[in-house]
Amino acid sequence: MKNKFCLTLIGLMLFGCAKDEPYAWNKDIPFATILAQTGEKLVLMDFETEW
């Protein structure tokens, strides 16, 4: 059982991430428009703050 878990974990780490696909950032679209267009999907936000 432990071997299956370890193999599954290693498989997810090796093949689970798309390494060659850049993420399409929407910089010129207002956030309210993005929320309205996505419907029930999750929205990834990235912002920079200065402390």
N, C-alpha and C. Protein backbone atom coordinates (compact mmCIF):
# COMPACT_ATOMS: atom_id res chain seq x y z
N MET A 1 0.83 -1.19 0.00
CA MET A 1 0.00 0.00 0.00
C MET A 1 0.87 1.25 0.00
N LYS A 2 1.93 1.22 0.81
CA LYS A 2 2.83 2.37 0.88
C LYS A 2 3.55 2.57 -0.44
N ASN A 3 3.89 1.48 -1.14
CA ASN A 3 4.57 1.59 -2.43
C ASN A 3 3.68 2.25 -3.47
N LYS A 4 2.39 1.90 -3.47
CA LYS A 4 1.46 2.50 -4.42
C LYS A 4 1.33 4.00 -4.17
N PHE A 5 1.26 4.38 -2.89
CA PHE A 5 1.16 5.79 -2.55
C PHE A 5 2.40 6.55 -3.00
N CYS A 6 3.57 5.98 -2.75
CA CYS A 6 4.82 6.63 -3.15
C CYS A 6 4.93 6.76 -4.66
N LEU A 7 4.56 5.72 -5.38
CA LEU A 7 4.59 5.78 -6.84
C LEU A 7 3.61 6.82 -7.38
N THR A 8 2.44 6.88 -6.80
CA THR A 8 1.46 7.88 -7.22
C THR A 8 1.97 9.29 -6.94
N LEU A 9 2.55 9.50 -5.80
CA LEU A 9 3.09 10.80 -5.44
C LEU A 9 4.22 11.22 -6.37
N ILE A 10 5.12 10.31 -6.67
CA ILE A 10 6.21 10.60 -7.60
C ILE A 10 5.67 10.88 -8.99
N GLY A 11 4.68 10.12 -9.43
CA GLY A 11 4.07 10.35 -10.74
C GLY A 11 3.42 11.72 -10.83
N LEU A 12 2.74 12.14 -9.77
CA LEU A 12 2.13 13.46 -9.78
C LEU A 12 3.17 14.57 -9.81
N MET A 13 4.26 14.37 -9.10
CA MET A 13 5.32 15.39 -9.09
C MET A 13 6.00 15.50 -10.45
N LEU A 14 6.19 14.38 -11.12
CA LEU A 14 6.89 14.41 -12.41
C LEU A 14 6.01 14.85 -13.56
N PHE A 15 4.77 14.39 -13.58
CA PHE A 15 3.91 14.62 -14.74
C PHE A 15 2.73 15.54 -14.48
N GLY A 16 2.60 16.04 -13.27
CA GLY A 16 1.43 16.83 -12.92
C GLY A 16 1.47 18.28 -13.32
N CYS A 17 2.64 18.82 -13.57
CA CYS A 17 2.75 20.25 -13.87
C CYS A 17 3.06 20.45 -15.35
N ALA A 18 2.37 21.41 -15.95
CA ALA A 18 2.65 21.77 -17.34
C ALA A 18 3.85 22.73 -17.33
N LYS A 19 4.97 22.27 -17.80
CA LYS A 19 6.19 23.06 -17.71
C LYS A 19 6.39 24.00 -18.89
N ASP A 20 5.81 23.69 -20.04
CA ASP A 20 6.08 24.47 -21.24
C ASP A 20 4.97 25.45 -21.59
N GLU A 21 3.93 25.52 -20.79
CA GLU A 21 2.81 26.39 -21.10
C GLU A 21 2.84 27.64 -20.23
N PRO A 22 2.99 28.82 -20.84
CA PRO A 22 2.94 30.05 -20.04
C PRO A 22 1.51 30.36 -19.62
N TYR A 23 1.37 31.02 -18.50
CA TYR A 23 0.04 31.39 -18.02
C TYR A 23 -0.38 32.70 -18.68
N ALA A 24 -1.59 32.75 -19.17
CA ALA A 24 -2.10 33.95 -19.86
C ALA A 24 -2.60 34.95 -18.83
N TRP A 25 -1.84 36.01 -18.60
CA TRP A 25 -2.24 37.04 -17.64
C TRP A 25 -3.13 38.06 -18.32
N ASN A 26 -4.19 38.47 -17.67
CA ASN A 26 -5.09 39.51 -18.18
C ASN A 26 -4.78 40.81 -17.45
N LYS A 27 -3.92 41.63 -18.04
CA LYS A 27 -3.51 42.87 -17.39
C LYS A 27 -4.40 44.05 -17.76
N ASP A 28 -5.01 44.03 -18.93
CA ASP A 28 -5.75 45.19 -19.42
C ASP A 28 -7.25 45.09 -19.20
N ILE A 29 -7.71 44.03 -18.54
CA ILE A 29 -9.14 43.83 -18.32
C ILE A 29 -9.45 44.11 -16.86
N PRO A 30 -10.46 44.94 -16.58
CA PRO A 30 -10.82 45.21 -15.17
C PRO A 30 -11.22 43.93 -14.43
N PHE A 31 -10.92 43.90 -13.13
CA PHE A 31 -11.18 42.71 -12.33
C PHE A 31 -12.66 42.36 -12.29
N ALA A 32 -13.53 43.36 -12.24
CA ALA A 32 -14.98 43.10 -12.21
C ALA A 32 -15.43 42.40 -13.49
N THR A 33 -14.83 42.74 -14.62
CA THR A 33 -15.17 42.09 -15.89
C THR A 33 -14.72 40.63 -15.88
N ILE A 34 -13.54 40.38 -15.34
CA ILE A 34 -13.04 39.00 -15.26
C ILE A 34 -13.95 38.16 -14.39
N LEU A 35 -14.37 38.71 -13.25
CA LEU A 35 -15.28 37.96 -12.37
C LEU A 35 -16.61 37.69 -13.05
N ALA A 36 -17.12 38.64 -13.82
CA ALA A 36 -18.40 38.45 -14.50
C ALA A 36 -18.29 37.39 -15.59
N GLN A 37 -17.14 37.31 -16.26
CA GLN A 37 -16.97 36.36 -17.37
C GLN A 37 -16.71 34.94 -16.89
N THR A 38 -16.16 34.76 -15.70
CA THR A 38 -15.78 33.42 -15.26
C THR A 38 -16.95 32.61 -14.73
N GLY A 39 -17.99 33.26 -14.27
CA GLY A 39 -19.13 32.51 -13.74
C GLY A 39 -18.77 31.82 -12.44
N GLU A 40 -18.81 30.48 -12.42
CA GLU A 40 -18.56 29.71 -11.20
C GLU A 40 -17.11 29.25 -11.07
N LYS A 41 -16.24 29.63 -12.01
CA LYS A 41 -14.84 29.19 -11.95
C LYS A 41 -14.06 30.00 -10.93
N LEU A 42 -12.95 29.43 -10.49
CA LEU A 42 -12.05 30.14 -9.59
C LEU A 42 -11.21 31.14 -10.37
N VAL A 43 -10.83 32.22 -9.73
CA VAL A 43 -10.02 33.26 -10.35
C VAL A 43 -8.71 33.35 -9.59
N LEU A 44 -7.59 33.29 -10.32
CA LEU A 44 -6.27 33.42 -9.73
C LEU A 44 -5.86 34.89 -9.76
N MET A 45 -5.56 35.43 -8.58
CA MET A 45 -5.15 36.83 -8.48
C MET A 45 -3.69 36.89 -8.06
N ASP A 46 -2.96 37.81 -8.65
CA ASP A 46 -1.58 38.05 -8.27
C ASP A 46 -1.40 39.55 -8.16
N PHE A 47 -0.93 40.01 -7.03
CA PHE A 47 -0.75 41.45 -6.86
C PHE A 47 0.52 41.72 -6.07
N GLU A 48 1.01 42.93 -6.21
CA GLU A 48 2.25 43.32 -5.54
C GLU A 48 1.94 44.41 -4.53
N THR A 49 2.49 44.28 -3.36
CA THR A 49 2.31 45.30 -2.33
C THR A 49 3.66 45.84 -1.92
N GLU A 50 3.66 47.06 -1.45
CA GLU A 50 4.87 47.66 -0.92
C GLU A 50 4.68 47.88 0.57
N TRP A 51 5.56 47.34 1.39
CA TRP A 51 5.42 47.45 2.83
C TRP A 51 6.23 48.59 3.36
